Amino acid sequence: MASYNVRIKPFAVKELEAIPAKDRRRIATKIQALGNNPRPVGCEKLAGHDKYRIRQGNYRVLFTIEDDVLIVTVIAIGNRRDIYRR
């Protein structure tokens, strides 16, 4: 399987920086792993959207996958209670 290029939107980078360091490291590890496997165990497609999400504790990472050009784009990172209200 080919490796995907992982891109993070500038707004998502700011959201990641606002998360406590312990959780930030775990989330960053999961984001890096998306390059090798864009649909890991526990990944779910959001209903009504072409977006996916992965969980890390109380945080969620929303991203899109473009299989034809092998790109994963992280759109948003946030607490589970707020992330879906956008």
Protein backbone atom coordinates (compact mmCIF):
# COMPACT_ATOMS: atom_id res chain seq x y z
CA MET A 1 0.00 0.00 0.00
CA ALA A 2 1.31 3.44 -0.91
CA SER A 3 1.99 6.07 1.72
CA TYR A 4 -0.41 9.00 1.97
CA ASN A 5 0.70 12.62 2.33
CA VAL A 6 -0.76 14.06 5.56
CA ARG A 7 -1.64 17.75 5.51
CA ILE A 8 -2.96 19.78 8.41
CA LYS A 9 -4.97 22.96 7.89
CA PRO A 10 -3.58 26.04 9.72
CA PHE A 11 -6.68 26.29 11.90
CA ALA A 12 -6.27 22.65 12.98
CA VAL A 13 -2.63 23.36 13.93
CA LYS A 14 -3.82 26.16 16.24
CA GLU A 15 -6.39 23.83 17.78
CA LEU A 16 -3.72 21.18 18.35
CA GLU A 17 -1.42 23.70 20.05
CA ALA A 18 -4.20 24.61 22.50
CA ILE A 19 -4.52 21.00 23.74
CA PRO A 20 -2.56 19.92 26.87
CA ALA A 21 0.88 18.44 26.09
CA LYS A 22 0.10 14.84 27.13
CA ASP A 23 -2.93 14.60 24.84
CA ARG A 24 -1.20 16.61 22.09
CA ARG A 25 1.56 13.99 21.76
CA ARG A 26 -0.95 11.16 21.47
CA ILE A 27 -3.03 13.04 18.89
CA ALA A 28 0.09 13.91 16.86
CA THR A 29 1.08 10.24 16.82
CA LYS A 30 -2.35 9.25 15.53
CA ILE A 31 -2.21 11.95 12.83
CA GLN A 32 1.21 10.74 11.66
CA ALA A 33 -0.08 7.17 11.50
CA LEU A 34 -2.77 8.29 9.01
CA GLY A 35 -0.03 8.45 6.38
CA ASN A 36 0.42 4.68 6.50
CA ASN A 37 -3.21 3.73 7.14
CA PRO A 38 -5.81 6.45 6.42
CA ARG A 39 -8.64 4.27 7.73
CA PRO A 40 -7.33 2.81 11.02
CA VAL A 41 -9.34 0.65 13.39
CA GLY A 42 -11.93 2.85 15.09
CA CYS A 43 -12.10 5.33 12.21
CA GLU A 44 -15.66 6.26 11.26
CA LYS A 45 -17.15 8.06 8.29
CA LEU A 46 -19.39 10.92 9.34
CA ALA A 47 -22.98 10.65 8.15
CA GLY A 48 -23.85 13.08 5.39
CA HIS A 49 -20.26 14.22 4.82
CA ASP A 50 -17.11 13.05 3.06
CA LYS A 51 -15.24 13.34 6.34
CA TYR A 52 -13.85 10.79 8.75
CA ARG A 53 -13.00 10.93 12.43
CA ILE A 54 -10.64 9.23 14.81
CA ARG A 55 -10.82 9.35 18.61
CA GLN A 56 -8.15 10.01 21.18
CA GLY A 57 -9.60 10.22 24.67
CA ASN A 58 -12.03 13.15 24.78
CA TYR A 59 -10.64 14.59 21.55
CA ARG A 60 -11.62 13.99 17.94
CA VAL A 61 -9.66 14.52 14.73
CA LEU A 62 -11.74 15.23 11.62
CA PHE A 63 -10.13 14.62 8.24
CA THR A 64 -10.79 13.93 4.57
CA ILE A 65 -9.19 11.27 2.40
CA GLU A 66 -8.40 11.73 -1.29
CA ASP A 67 -7.52 8.23 -2.52
CA ASP A 68 -6.84 9.25 -6.12
CA VAL A 69 -3.96 11.60 -5.13
CA LEU A 70 -3.03 9.89 -1.81
CA ILE A 71 -3.69 12.88 0.47
CA VAL A 72 -5.15 12.96 3.99
CA THR A 73 -6.16 16.48 5.11
CA VAL A 74 -6.78 17.13 8.81
CA ILE A 75 -9.60 19.70 9.02
CA ALA A 76 -10.27 20.08 12.74
CA ILE A 77 -9.11 18.85 16.13
CA GLY A 78 -11.12 19.41 19.28
CA ASN A 79 -13.02 18.20 22.28
CA ARG A 80 -15.80 15.74 21.50
CA ARG A 81 -18.49 18.04 22.89
CA ASP A 82 -17.58 20.91 20.52
CA ILE A 83 -16.09 19.38 17.38
CA TYR A 84 -19.33 18.48 15.58
CA ARG A 85 -21.00 21.90 16.04
CA ARG A 86 -19.04 23.52 13.20
